Amino acid sequence: MKGNLNETKKIIGNGKSIMSERNKRKRRIGVVVNDKNEKTRKVSVKRTYRHPLYGRVIRSKSKIAVHDEKNMSRVGDMVEIIESRPLSKTKRWVLIKILSRNINVESIKQSL
């Protein structure tokens, strides 16, 4: 416990501002798959990585609950999200901006 307090003092003492720490939050790009809730969207984020032992490329995706304050995004939109403090039981991400609007919603629903 005492070590953590000293580390915090060092960070603040070295002249790093709180904003520089905030800018290190995770950012993801994904597609909105559900917009039925008020101020909440489900965003599908795809990720590819190599298996550590076998080297095979693995594709995975996860659905993330995202806070959309103005209810601007719709199903099929490509959006950028950023990590934030917990807003509810499942929401830890906030919508930053809509990168592109999608006209063809049916093809996205079939791919999921």
PDB file of N, CA and C in Angstrom:
ATOM      1  N   MET A   1       0.821  -1.181   0.000  1.00  0.00           N
ATOM      2  CA  MET A   1       0.000   0.000   0.000  1.00  0.00           C
ATOM      3  C   MET A   1       0.867   1.247   0.000  1.00  0.00           C
ATOM      4  N   LYS A   2       1.910   1.238   0.814  1.00  0.00           N
ATOM      5  CA  LYS A   2       2.783   2.389   0.914  1.00  0.00           C
ATOM      6  C   LYS A   2       3.534   2.623  -0.402  1.00  0.00           C
ATOM      7  N   GLY A   3       3.905   1.530  -1.079  1.00  0.00           N
ATOM      8  CA  GLY A   3       4.601   1.651  -2.360  1.00  0.00           C
ATOM      9  C   GLY A   3       3.737   2.317  -3.419  1.00  0.00           C
ATOM     10  N   ASN A   4       2.458   1.990  -3.449  1.00  0.00           N
ATOM     11  CA  ASN A   4       1.555   2.594  -4.428  1.00  0.00           C
ATOM     12  C   ASN A   4       1.426   4.089  -4.206  1.00  0.00           C
ATOM     13  N   LEU A   5       1.386   4.520  -2.952  1.00  0.00           N
ATOM     14  CA  LEU A   5       1.275   5.931  -2.640  1.00  0.00           C
ATOM     15  C   LEU A   5       2.511   6.679  -3.110  1.00  0.00           C
ATOM     16  N   ASN A   6       3.693   6.085  -2.916  1.00  0.00           N
ATOM     17  CA  ASN A   6       4.931   6.717  -3.371  1.00  0.00           C
ATOM     18  C   ASN A   6       4.983   6.816  -4.886  1.00  0.00           C
ATOM     19  N   GLU A   7       4.509   5.774  -5.593  1.00  0.00           N
ATOM     20  CA  GLU A   7       4.489   5.812  -7.049  1.00  0.00           C
ATOM     21  C   GLU A   7       3.579   6.924  -7.539  1.00  0.00           C
ATOM     22  N   THR A   8       2.454   7.120  -6.873  1.00  0.00           N
ATOM     23  CA  THR A   8       1.536   8.183  -7.253  1.00  0.00           C
ATOM     24  C   THR A   8       2.197   9.540  -7.073  1.00  0.00           C
ATOM     25  N   LYS A   9       2.916   9.711  -5.985  1.00  0.00           N
ATOM     26  CA  LYS A   9       3.604  10.972  -5.744  1.00  0.00           C
ATOM     27  C   LYS A   9       4.666  11.219  -6.811  1.00  0.00           C
ATOM     28  N   LYS A  10       5.355  10.149  -7.228  1.00  0.00           N
ATOM     29  CA  LYS A  10       6.375  10.305  -8.260  1.00  0.00           C
ATOM     30  C   LYS A  10       5.761  10.758  -9.574  1.00  0.00           C
ATOM     31  N   ILE A  11       4.629  10.180  -9.922  1.00  0.00           N
ATOM     32  CA  ILE A  11       3.981  10.545 -11.179  1.00  0.00           C
ATOM     33  C   ILE A  11       3.587  12.016 -11.155  1.00  0.00           C
ATOM     34  N   ILE A  12       2.984  12.442 -10.066  1.00  0.00           N
ATOM     35  CA  ILE A  12       2.557  13.829  -9.971  1.00  0.00           C
ATOM     36  C   ILE A  12       3.778  14.729  -9.820  1.00  0.00           C
ATOM     37  N   GLY A  13       4.789  14.273  -9.077  1.00  0.00           N
ATOM     38  CA  GLY A  13       5.987  15.067  -8.849  1.00  0.00           C
ATOM     39  C   GLY A  13       6.837  15.246 -10.096  1.00  0.00           C
ATOM     40  N   ASN A  14       6.784  14.319 -11.041  1.00  0.00           N
ATOM     41  CA  ASN A  14       7.581  14.416 -12.262  1.00  0.00           C
ATOM     42  C   ASN A  14       7.017  15.417 -13.259  1.00  0.00           C
ATOM     43  N   GLY A  15       5.887  16.002 -12.964  1.00  0.00           N
ATOM     44  CA  GLY A  15       5.328  17.013 -13.848  1.00  0.00           C
ATOM     45  C   GLY A  15       4.348  16.462 -14.866  1.00  0.00           C
ATOM     46  N   LYS A  16       4.023  15.188 -14.815  1.00  0.00           N
ATOM     47  CA  LYS A  16       3.016  14.646 -15.727  1.00  0.00           C
ATOM     48  C   LYS A  16       1.647  15.125 -15.281  1.00  0.00           C
ATOM     49  N   SER A  17       0.897  15.615 -16.219  1.00  0.00           N
ATOM     50  CA  SER A  17      -0.438  16.091 -15.864  1.00  0.00           C
ATOM     51  C   SER A  17      -1.423  14.934 -15.901  1.00  0.00           C
ATOM     52  N   ILE A  18      -2.572  15.147 -15.333  1.00  0.00           N
ATOM     53  CA  ILE A  18      -3.620  14.129 -15.325  1.00  0.00           C
ATOM     54  C   ILE A  18      -4.108  13.875 -16.744  1.00  0.00           C
ATOM     55  N   MET A  19      -4.118  14.901 -17.590  1.00  0.00           N
ATOM     56  CA  MET A  19      -4.583  14.735 -18.965  1.00  0.00           C
ATOM     57  C   MET A  19      -3.687  13.778 -19.744  1.00  0.00           C
ATOM     58  N   SER A  20      -2.377  13.783 -19.484  1.00  0.00           N
ATOM     59  CA  SER A  20      -1.514  12.860 -20.203  1.00  0.00           C
ATOM     60  C   SER A  20      -1.828  11.415 -19.821  1.00  0.00           C
ATOM     61  N   GLU A  21      -2.248  11.195 -18.576  1.00  0.00           N
ATOM     62  CA  GLU A  21      -2.664   9.869 -18.157  1.00  0.00           C
ATOM     63  C   GLU A  21      -3.986   9.487 -18.806  1.00  0.00           C
ATOM     64  N   ARG A  22      -4.885  10.450 -18.973  1.00  0.00           N
ATOM     65  CA  ARG A  22      -6.179  10.170 -19.588  1.00  0.00           C
ATOM     66  C   ARG A  22      -6.026   9.831 -21.059  1.00  0.00           C
ATOM     67  N   ASN A  23      -5.046  10.394 -21.721  1.00  0.00           N
ATOM     68  CA  ASN A  23      -4.860  10.146 -23.144  1.00  0.00           C
ATOM     69  C   ASN A  23      -4.339   8.749 -23.432  1.00  0.00           C
ATOM     70  N   LYS A  24      -3.973   7.999 -22.405  1.00  0.00           N
ATOM     71  CA  LYS A  24      -3.490   6.636 -22.587  1.00  0.00           C
ATOM     72  C   LYS A  24      -4.627   5.617 -22.560  1.00  0.00           C
ATOM     73  N   ARG A  25      -5.873   6.095 -22.536  1.00  0.00           N
ATOM     74  CA  ARG A  25      -6.992   5.168 -22.493  1.00  0.00           C
ATOM     75  C   ARG A  25      -7.104   4.414 -23.815  1.00  0.00           C
ATOM     76  N   LYS A  26      -7.637   3.196 -23.747  1.00  0.00           N
ATOM     77  CA  LYS A  26      -7.765   2.357 -24.931  1.00  0.00           C
ATOM     78  C   LYS A  26      -8.786   2.942 -25.896  1.00  0.00           C
ATOM     79  N   ARG A  27      -8.507   2.814 -27.182  1.00  0.00           N
ATOM     80  CA  ARG A  27      -9.432   3.240 -28.236  1.00  0.00           C
ATOM     81  C   ARG A  27      -9.678   2.051 -29.153  1.00  0.00           C
ATOM     82  N   ARG A  28     -10.895   1.907 -29.606  1.00  0.00           N
ATOM     83  CA  ARG A  28     -11.256   0.825 -30.513  1.00  0.00           C
ATOM     84  C   ARG A  28     -12.163   1.373 -31.617  1.00  0.00           C
ATOM     85  N   ILE A  29     -12.171   0.669 -32.744  1.00  0.00           N
ATOM     86  CA  ILE A  29     -13.074   0.989 -33.846  1.00  0.00           C
ATOM     87  C   ILE A  29     -13.936  -0.236 -34.069  1.00  0.00           C
ATOM     88  N   GLY A  30     -15.256  -0.022 -34.183  1.00  0.00           N
ATOM     89  CA  GLY A  30     -16.168  -1.137 -34.353  1.00  0.00           C
ATOM     90  C   GLY A  30     -17.435  -0.724 -35.071  1.00  0.00           C
ATOM     91  N   VAL A  31     -18.349  -1.673 -35.189  1.00  0.00           N
ATOM     92  CA  VAL A  31     -19.611  -1.461 -35.890  1.00  0.00           C
ATOM     93  C   VAL A  31     -20.760  -1.599 -34.903  1.00  0.00           C
ATOM     94  N   VAL A  32     -21.698  -0.665 -34.955  1.00  0.00           N
ATOM     95  CA  VAL A  32     -22.867  -0.710 -34.077  1.00  0.00           C
ATOM     96  C   VAL A  32     -23.766  -1.855 -34.533  1.00  0.00           C
ATOM     97  N   VAL A  33     -24.112  -2.764 -33.614  1.00  0.00           N
ATOM     98  CA  VAL A  33     -24.966  -3.907 -33.957  1.00  0.00           C
ATOM     99  C   VAL A  33     -26.328  -3.835 -33.272  1.00  0.00           C
ATOM    100  N   ASN A  34     -26.469  -2.958 -32.273  1.00  0.00           N
ATOM    101  CA  ASN A  34     -27.745  -2.842 -31.564  1.00  0.00           C
ATOM    102  C   ASN A  34     -27.896  -1.408 -31.076  1.00  0.00           C
ATOM    103  N   ASP A  35     -29.057  -0.795 -31.388  1.00  0.00           N
ATOM    104  CA  ASP A  35     -29.305   0.576 -30.934  1.00  0.00           C
ATOM    105  C   ASP A  35     -30.686   0.716 -30.301  1.00  0.00           C
ATOM    106  N   LYS A  36     -31.176  -0.348 -29.690  1.00  0.00           N
ATOM    107  CA  LYS A  36     -32.539  -0.335 -29.162  1.00  0.00           C
ATOM    108  C   LYS A  36     -32.657   0.360 -27.814  1.00  0.00           C
ATOM    109  N   ASN A  37     -31.582   0.419 -27.039  1.00  0.00           N
ATOM    110  CA  ASN A  37     -31.647   1.042 -25.723  1.00  0.00           C
ATOM    111  C   ASN A  37     -31.404   2.544 -25.807  1.00  0.00           C
ATOM    112  N   GLU A  38     -31.899   3.253 -24.820  1.00  0.00           N
ATOM    113  CA  GLU A  38     -31.703   4.696 -24.733  1.00  0.00           C
ATOM    114  C   GLU A  38     -30.279   4.987 -24.258  1.00  0.00           C
ATOM    115  N   LYS A  39     -29.509   5.732 -25.043  1.00  0.00           N
ATOM    116  CA  LYS A  39     -28.140   6.153 -24.732  1.00  0.00           C
ATOM    117  C   LYS A  39     -27.149   4.997 -24.598  1.00  0.00           C
ATOM    118  N   THR A  40     -27.504   3.815 -25.051  1.00  0.00           N
ATOM    119  CA  THR A  40     -26.601   2.663 -25.003  1.00  0.00           C
ATOM    120  C   THR A  40     -26.596   1.978 -26.364  1.00  0.00           C
ATOM    121  N   ARG A  41     -25.413   1.653 -26.836  1.00  0.00           N
ATOM    122  CA  ARG A  41     -25.251   0.933 -28.093  1.00  0.00           C
ATOM    123  C   ARG A  41     -24.392  -0.294 -27.834  1.00  0.00           C
ATOM    124  N   LYS A  42     -24.619  -1.336 -28.616  1.00  0.00           N
ATOM    125  CA  LYS A  42     -23.738  -2.505 -28.611  1.00  0.00           C
ATOM    126  C   LYS A  42     -22.854  -2.387 -29.848  1.00  0.00           C
ATOM    127  N   VAL A  43     -21.547  -2.421 -29.626  1.00  0.00           N
ATOM    128  CA  VAL A  43     -20.584  -2.277 -30.713  1.00  0.00           C
ATOM    129  C   VAL A  43     -19.775  -3.557 -30.820  1.00  0.00           C
ATOM    130  N   SER A  44     -19.687  -4.090 -32.030  1.00  0.00           N
ATOM    131  CA  SER A  44     -18.899  -5.287 -32.287  1.00  0.00           C
ATOM    132  C   SER A  44     -17.496  -4.860 -32.710  1.00  0.00           C
ATOM    133  N   VAL A  45     -16.503  -5.290 -31.931  1.00  0.00           N
ATOM    134  CA  VAL A  45     -15.111  -4.950 -32.215  1.00  0.00           C
ATOM    135  C   VAL A  45     -14.386  -6.222 -32.623  1.00  0.00           C
ATOM    136  N   LYS A  46     -13.789  -6.202 -33.815  1.00  0.00           N
ATOM    137  CA  LYS A  46     -13.063  -7.360 -34.319  1.00  0.00           C
ATOM    138  C   LYS A  46     -11.580  -7.200 -34.019  1.00  0.00           C
ATOM    139  N   ARG A  47     -10.926  -8.341 -33.744  1.00  0.00           N
ATOM    140  CA  ARG A  47      -9.517  -8.334 -33.382  1.00  0.00           C
ATOM    141  C   ARG A  47      -8.838  -9.542 -34.024  1.00  0.00           C
ATOM    142  N   THR A  48      -7.671  -9.345 -34.625  1.00  0.00           N
ATOM    143  CA  THR A  48      -6.891 -10.462 -35.159  1.00  0.00           C
ATOM    144  C   THR A  48      -5.539 -10.491 -34.463  1.00  0.00           C
ATOM    145  N   TYR A  49      -5.093 -11.687 -34.137  1.00  0.00           N
ATOM    146  CA  TYR A  49      -3.803 -11.853 -33.490  1.00  0.00           C
ATOM    147  C   TYR A  49      -3.263 -13.236 -33.795  1.00  0.00           C
ATOM    148  N   ARG A  50      -1.981 -13.416 -33.595  1.00  0.00           N
ATOM    149  CA  ARG A  50      -1.348 -14.714 -33.826  1.00  0.00           C
ATOM    150  C   ARG A  50      -1.340 -15.526 -32.548  1.00  0.00           C
ATOM    151  N   HIS A  51      -1.588 -16.819 -32.687  1.00  0.00           N
ATOM    152  CA  HIS A  51      -1.516 -17.716 -31.547  1.00  0.00           C
ATOM    153  C   HIS A  51      -0.072 -17.747 -31.049  1.00  0.00           C
ATOM    154  N   PRO A  52       0.138 -17.619 -29.732  1.00  0.00           N
ATOM    155  CA  PRO A  52       1.515 -17.513 -29.237  1.00  0.00           C
ATOM    156  C   PRO A  52       2.389 -18.739 -29.500  1.00  0.00           C
ATOM    157  N   LEU A  53       1.795 -19.925 -29.553  1.00  0.00           N
ATOM    158  CA  LEU A  53       2.590 -21.133 -29.758  1.00  0.00           C
ATOM    159  C   LEU A  53       2.599 -21.574 -31.217  1.00  0.00           C
ATOM    160  N   TYR A  54       1.433 -21.627 -31.847  1.00  0.00           N
ATOM    161  CA  TYR A  54       1.315 -22.220 -33.186  1.00  0.00           C
ATOM    162  C   TYR A  54       1.397 -21.203 -34.310  1.00  0.00           C
ATOM    163  N   GLY A  55       1.240 -19.934 -34.015  1.00  0.00           N
ATOM    164  CA  GLY A  55       1.406 -18.913 -35.041  1.00  0.00           C
ATOM    165  C   GLY A  55       0.231 -18.726 -35.970  1.00  0.00           C
ATOM    166  N   ARG A  56      -0.846 -19.453 -35.746  1.00  0.00           N
ATOM    167  CA  ARG A  56      -2.025 -19.324 -36.607  1.00  0.00           C
ATOM    168  C   ARG A  56      -2.726 -18.006 -36.313  1.00  0.00           C
ATOM    169  N   VAL A  57      -3.244 -17.352 -37.359  1.00  0.00           N
ATOM    170  CA  VAL A  57      -3.973 -16.098 -37.178  1.00  0.00           C
ATOM    171  C   VAL A  57      -5.368 -16.415 -36.650  1.00  0.00           C
ATOM    172  N   ILE A  58      -5.700 -15.800 -35.543  1.00  0.00           N
ATOM    173  CA  ILE A  58      -6.991 -16.022 -34.902  1.00  0.00           C
ATOM    174  C   ILE A  58      -7.804 -14.749 -34.991  1.00  0.00           C
ATOM    175  N   ARG A  59      -9.056 -14.881 -35.408  1.00  0.00           N
ATOM    176  CA  ARG A  59      -9.966 -13.740 -35.467  1.00  0.00           C
ATOM    177  C   ARG A  59     -10.989 -13.882 -34.355  1.00  0.00           C
ATOM    178  N   SER A  60     -11.128 -12.839 -33.571  1.00  0.00           N
ATOM    179  CA  SER A  60     -12.132 -12.865 -32.516  1.00  0.00           C
ATOM    180  C   SER A  60     -12.884 -11.541 -32.531  1.00  0.00           C
ATOM    181  N   LYS A  61     -14.092 -11.566 -32.004  1.00  0.00           N
ATOM    182  CA  LYS A  61     -14.848 -10.326 -31.898  1.00  0.00           C
ATOM    183  C   LYS A  61     -15.565 -10.310 -30.561  1.00  0.00           C
ATOM    184  N   SER A  62     -15.801  -9.117 -30.081  1.00  0.00           N
ATOM    185  CA  SER A  62     -16.494  -8.969 -28.813  1.00  0.00           C
ATOM    186  C   SER A  62     -17.520  -7.859 -28.942  1.00  0.00           C
ATOM    187  N   LYS A  63     -18.617  -8.020 -28.233  1.00  0.00           N
ATOM    188  CA  LYS A  63     -19.652  -6.993 -28.207  1.00  0.00           C
ATOM    189  C   LYS A  63     -19.449  -6.159 -26.949  1.00  0.00           C
ATOM    190  N   ILE A  64     -19.348  -4.864 -27.137  1.00  0.00           N
ATOM    191  CA  ILE A  64     -19.086  -3.946 -26.038  1.00  0.00           C
ATOM    192  C   ILE A  64     -20.271  -3.006 -25.887  1.00  0.00           C
ATOM    193  N   ALA A  65     -20.723  -2.808 -24.649  1.00  0.00           N
ATOM    194  CA  ALA A  65     -21.778  -1.829 -24.366  1.00  0.00           C
ATOM    195  C   ALA A  65     -21.134  -0.450 -24.312  1.00  0.00           C
ATOM    196  N   VAL A  66     -21.659   0.477 -25.116  1.00  0.00           N
ATOM    197  CA  VAL A  66     -21.062   1.798 -25.283  1.00  0.00           C
ATOM    198  C   VAL A  66     -22.091   2.873 -24.946  1.00  0.00           C
ATOM    199  N   HIS A  67     -21.633   3.925 -24.276  1.00  0.00           N
ATOM    200  CA  HIS A  67     -22.509   5.050 -23.934  1.00  0.00           C
ATOM    201  C   HIS A  67     -22.523   6.052 -25.080  1.00  0.00           C
ATOM    202  N   ASP A  68     -23.727   6.341 -25.604  1.00  0.00           N
ATOM    203  CA  ASP A  68     -23.923   7.325 -26.677  1.00  0.00           C
ATOM    204  C   ASP A  68     -24.861   8.398 -26.140  1.00  0.00           C
ATOM    205  N   GLU A  69     -24.298   9.477 -25.644  1.00  0.00           N
ATOM    206  CA  GLU A  69     -25.064  10.507 -24.937  1.00  0.00           C
ATOM    207  C   GLU A  69     -26.172  11.119 -25.793  1.00  0.00           C
ATOM    208  N   LYS A  70     -25.913  11.359 -27.083  1.00  0.00           N
ATOM    209  CA  LYS A  70     -26.875  12.060 -27.935  1.00  0.00           C
ATOM    210  C   LYS A  70     -27.718  11.133 -28.805  1.00  0.00           C
ATOM    211  N   ASN A  71     -27.577   9.821 -28.660  1.00  0.00           N
ATOM    212  CA  ASN A  71     -28.320   8.842 -29.468  1.00  0.00           C
ATOM    213  C   ASN A  71     -28.157   9.087 -30.968  1.00  0.00           C
ATOM    214  N   MET A  72     -26.943   9.402 -31.407  1.00  0.00           N
ATOM    215  CA  MET A  72     -26.712   9.741 -32.806  1.00  0.00           C
ATOM    216  C   MET A  72     -26.401   8.531 -33.677  1.00  0.00           C
ATOM    217  N   SER A  73     -25.820   7.486 -33.117  1.00  0.00           N
ATOM    218  CA  SER A  73     -25.405   6.349 -33.934  1.00  0.00           C
ATOM    219  C   SER A  73     -26.573   5.407 -34.201  1.00  0.00           C
ATOM    220  N   ARG A  74     -26.497   4.714 -35.326  1.00  0.00           N
ATOM    221  CA  ARG A  74     -27.513   3.752 -35.736  1.00  0.00           C
ATOM    222  C   ARG A  74     -26.841   2.427 -36.077  1.00  0.00           C
ATOM    223  N   VAL A  75     -27.627   1.395 -36.249  1.00  0.00           N
ATOM    224  CA  VAL A  75     -27.092   0.071 -36.584  1.00  0.00           C
ATOM    225  C   VAL A  75     -26.344   0.155 -37.910  1.00  0.00           C
ATOM    226  N   GLY A  76     -25.124  -0.389 -37.926  1.00  0.00           N
ATOM    227  CA  GLY A  76     -24.319  -0.411 -39.136  1.00  0.00           C
ATOM    228  C   GLY A  76     -23.291   0.693 -39.220  1.00  0.00           C
ATOM    229  N   ASP A  77     -23.324   1.664 -38.320  1.00  0.00           N
ATOM    230  CA  ASP A  77     -22.359   2.756 -38.347  1.00  0.00           C
ATOM    231  C   ASP A  77     -21.001   2.280 -37.847  1.00  0.00           C
ATOM    232  N   MET A  78     -19.944   2.764 -38.489  1.00  0.00           N
ATOM    233  CA  MET A  78     -18.583   2.521 -38.025  1.00  0.00           C
ATOM    234  C   MET A  78     -18.255   3.639 -37.035  1.00  0.00           C
ATOM    235  N   VAL A  79     -17.901   3.254 -35.798  1.00  0.00           N
ATOM    236  CA  VAL A  79     -17.698   4.249 -34.744  1.00  0.00           C
ATOM    237  C   VAL A  79     -16.354   4.045 -34.055  1.00  0.00           C
ATOM    238  N   GLU A  80     -15.881   5.121 -33.414  1.00  0.00           N
ATOM    239  CA  GLU A  80     -14.684   5.051 -32.590  1.00  0.00           C
ATOM    240  C   GLU A  80     -15.115   5.212 -31.142  1.00  0.00           C
ATOM    241  N   ILE A  81     -14.597   4.316 -30.269  1.00  0.00           N
ATOM    242  CA  ILE A  81     -14.969   4.344 -28.857  1.00  0.00           C
ATOM    243  C   ILE A  81     -13.703   4.448 -28.008  1.00  0.00           C
ATOM    244  N   ILE A  82     -13.872   4.938 -26.778  1.00  0.00           N
ATOM    245  CA  ILE A  82     -12.745   5.098 -25.869  1.00  0.00           C
ATOM    246  C   ILE A  82     -13.137   4.572 -24.500  1.00  0.00           C
ATOM    247  N   GLU A  83     -12.161   4.032 -23.796  1.00  0.00           N
ATOM    248  CA  GLU A  83     -12.378   3.486 -22.466  1.00  0.00           C
ATOM    249  C   GLU A  83     -12.678   4.623 -21.482  1.00  0.00           C
ATOM    250  N   SER A  84     -13.560   4.360 -20.513  1.00  0.00           N
ATOM    251  CA  SER A  84     -13.899   5.384 -19.524  1.00  0.00           C
ATOM    252  C   SER A  84     -14.145   4.732 -18.167  1.00  0.00           C
ATOM    253  N   ARG A  85     -14.543   5.551 -17.222  1.00  0.00           N
ATOM    254  CA  ARG A  85     -14.895   5.030 -15.909  1.00  0.00           C
ATOM    255  C   ARG A  85     -16.177   4.206 -16.035  1.00  0.00           C
ATOM    256  N   PRO A  86     -16.469   3.319 -15.109  1.00  0.00           N
ATOM    257  CA  PRO A  86     -17.711   2.543 -15.187  1.00  0.00           C
ATOM    258  C   PRO A  86     -18.938   3.450 -15.105  1.00  0.00           C
ATOM    259  N   LEU A  87     -19.799   3.349 -16.109  1.00  0.00           N
ATOM    260  CA  LEU A  87     -21.020   4.152 -16.149  1.00  0.00           C
ATOM    261  C   LEU A  87     -22.231   3.362 -15.674  1.00  0.00           C
ATOM    262  N   SER A  88     -22.162   2.049 -15.779  1.00  0.00           N
ATOM    263  CA  SER A  88     -23.217   1.172 -15.289  1.00  0.00           C
ATOM    264  C   SER A  88     -22.600  -0.205 -15.060  1.00  0.00           C
ATOM    265  N   LYS A  89     -23.444  -1.202 -14.893  1.00  0.00           N
ATOM    266  CA  LYS A  89     -22.937  -2.554 -14.650  1.00  0.00           C
ATOM    267  C   LYS A  89     -22.101  -3.070 -15.825  1.00  0.00           C
ATOM    268  N   THR A  90     -22.491  -2.741 -17.051  1.00  0.00           N
ATOM    269  CA  THR A  90     -21.801  -3.262 -18.229  1.00  0.00           C
ATOM    270  C   THR A  90     -21.078  -2.210 -19.050  1.00  0.00           C
ATOM    271  N   LYS A  91     -21.401  -0.939 -18.886  1.00  0.00           N
ATOM    272  CA  LYS A  91     -20.818   0.104 -19.745  1.00  0.00           C
ATOM    273  C   LYS A  91     -19.530   0.660 -19.161  1.00  0.00           C
ATOM    274  N   ARG A  92     -18.437   0.484 -19.944  1.00  0.00           N
ATOM    275  CA  ARG A  92     -17.142   1.066 -19.588  1.00  0.00           C
ATOM    276  C   ARG A  92     -16.521   1.800 -20.767  1.00  0.00           C
ATOM    277  N   TRP A  93     -17.280   2.026 -21.812  1.00  0.00           N
ATOM    278  CA  TRP A  93     -16.796   2.663 -23.029  1.00  0.00           C
ATOM    279  C   TRP A  93     -17.740   3.794 -23.417  1.00  0.00           C
ATOM    280  N   VAL A  94     -17.181   4.819 -24.084  1.00  0.00           N
ATOM    281  CA  VAL A  94     -17.956   5.985 -24.522  1.00  0.00           C
ATOM    282  C   VAL A  94     -17.701   6.196 -26.005  1.00  0.00           C
ATOM    283  N   LEU A  95     -18.758   6.544 -26.737  1.00  0.00           N
ATOM    284  CA  LEU A  95     -18.652   6.823 -28.167  1.00  0.00           C
ATOM    285  C   LEU A  95     -17.984   8.180 -28.359  1.00  0.00           C
ATOM    286  N   ILE A  96     -16.943   8.226 -29.185  1.00  0.00           N
ATOM    287  CA  ILE A  96     -16.266   9.490 -29.482  1.00  0.00           C
ATOM    288  C   ILE A  96     -16.844  10.123 -30.733  1.00  0.00           C
ATOM    289  N   LYS A  97     -16.807   9.357 -31.831  1.00  0.00           N
ATOM    290  CA  LYS A  97     -17.321   9.911 -33.086  1.00  0.00           C
ATOM    291  C   LYS A  97     -17.769   8.794 -34.013  1.00  0.00           C
ATOM    292  N   ILE A  98     -18.607   9.179 -34.959  1.00  0.00           N
ATOM    293  CA  ILE A  98     -19.085   8.264 -35.993  1.00  0.00           C
ATOM    294  C   ILE A  98     -18.172   8.435 -37.193  1.00  0.00           C
ATOM    295  N   LEU A  99     -17.497   7.367 -37.585  1.00  0.00           N
ATOM    296  CA  LEU A  99     -16.549   7.439 -38.691  1.00  0.00           C
ATOM    297  C   LEU A  99     -17.254   7.378 -40.037  1.00  0.00           C
ATOM    298  N   SER A 100     -18.254   6.494 -40.157  1.00  0.00           N
ATOM    299  CA  SER A 100     -19.003   6.409 -41.409  1.00  0.00           C
ATOM    300  C   SER A 100     -20.389   5.835 -41.144  1.00  0.00           C
ATOM    301  N   ARG A 101     -21.330   6.299 -41.921  1.00  0.00           N
ATOM    302  CA  ARG A 101     -22.696   5.790 -41.837  1.00  0.00           C
ATOM    303  C   ARG A 101     -22.834   4.612 -42.786  1.00  0.00           C
ATOM    304  N   ASN A 102     -23.650   3.628 -42.401  1.00  0.00           N
ATOM    305  CA  ASN A 102     -23.858   2.465 -43.255  1.00  0.00           C
ATOM    306  C   ASN A 102     -25.282   2.474 -43.770  1.00  0.00           C
ATOM    307  N   ILE A 103     -25.425   2.272 -45.073  1.00  0.00           N
ATOM    308  CA  ILE A 103     -26.743   2.250 -45.694  1.00  0.00           C
ATOM    309  C   ILE A 103     -27.314   0.841 -45.673  1.00  0.00           C
ATOM    310  N   ASN A 104     -26.471  -0.177 -45.907  1.00  0.00           N
ATOM    311  CA  ASN A 104     -26.924  -1.557 -46.006  1.00  0.00           C
ATOM    312  C   ASN A 104     -26.830  -2.243 -44.643  1.00  0.00           C
ATOM    313  N   VAL A 105     -27.922  -2.254 -43.901  1.00  0.00           N
ATOM    314  CA  VAL A 105     -27.958  -2.820 -42.557  1.00  0.00           C
ATOM    315  C   VAL A 105     -28.156  -4.331 -42.595  1.00  0.00           C
ATOM    316  N   GLU A 106     -28.860  -4.832 -43.592  1.00  0.00           N
ATOM    317  CA  GLU A 106     -29.214  -6.248 -43.661  1.00  0.00           C
ATOM    318  C   GLU A 106     -27.979  -7.154 -43.762  1.00  0.00           C
ATOM    319  N   SER A 107     -26.969  -6.713 -44.508  1.00  0.00           N
ATOM    320  CA  SER A 107     -25.774  -7.546 -44.660  1.00  0.00           C
ATOM    321  C   SER A 107     -25.005  -7.682 -43.344  1.00  0.00           C
ATOM    322  N   ILE A 108     -25.049  -6.656 -42.524  1.00  0.00           N
ATOM    323  CA  ILE A 108     -24.360  -6.718 -41.231  1.00  0.00           C
ATOM    324  C   ILE A 108     -25.065  -7.683 -40.300  1.00  0.00           C
ATOM    325  N   LYS A 109     -26.379  -7.654 -40.286  1.00  0.00           N
ATOM    326  CA  LYS A 109     -27.124  -8.573 -39.421  1.00  0.00           C
ATOM    327  C   LYS A 109     -26.888 -10.021 -39.813  1.00  0.00           C
ATOM    328  N   GLN A 110     -26.723 -10.285 -41.121  1.00  0.00           N
ATOM    329  CA  GLN A 110     -26.481 -11.654 -41.569  1.00  0.00           C
ATOM    330  C   GLN A 110     -25.083 -12.123 -41.194  1.00  0.00           C
ATOM    331  N   SER A 111     -24.106 -11.216 -41.197  1.00  0.00           N
ATOM    332  CA  SER A 111     -22.731 -11.612 -40.885  1.00  0.00           C
ATOM    333  C   SER A 111     -22.550 -11.938 -39.401  1.00  0.00           C
ATOM    334  N   LEU A 112     -23.431 -11.424 -38.549  1.00  0.00           N
ATOM    335  CA  LEU A 112     -23.339 -11.702 -37.115  1.00  0.00           C
ATOM    336  C   LEU A 112     -24.108 -12.944 -36.839  1.00  0.00           C
TER     337      LEU A 112
END
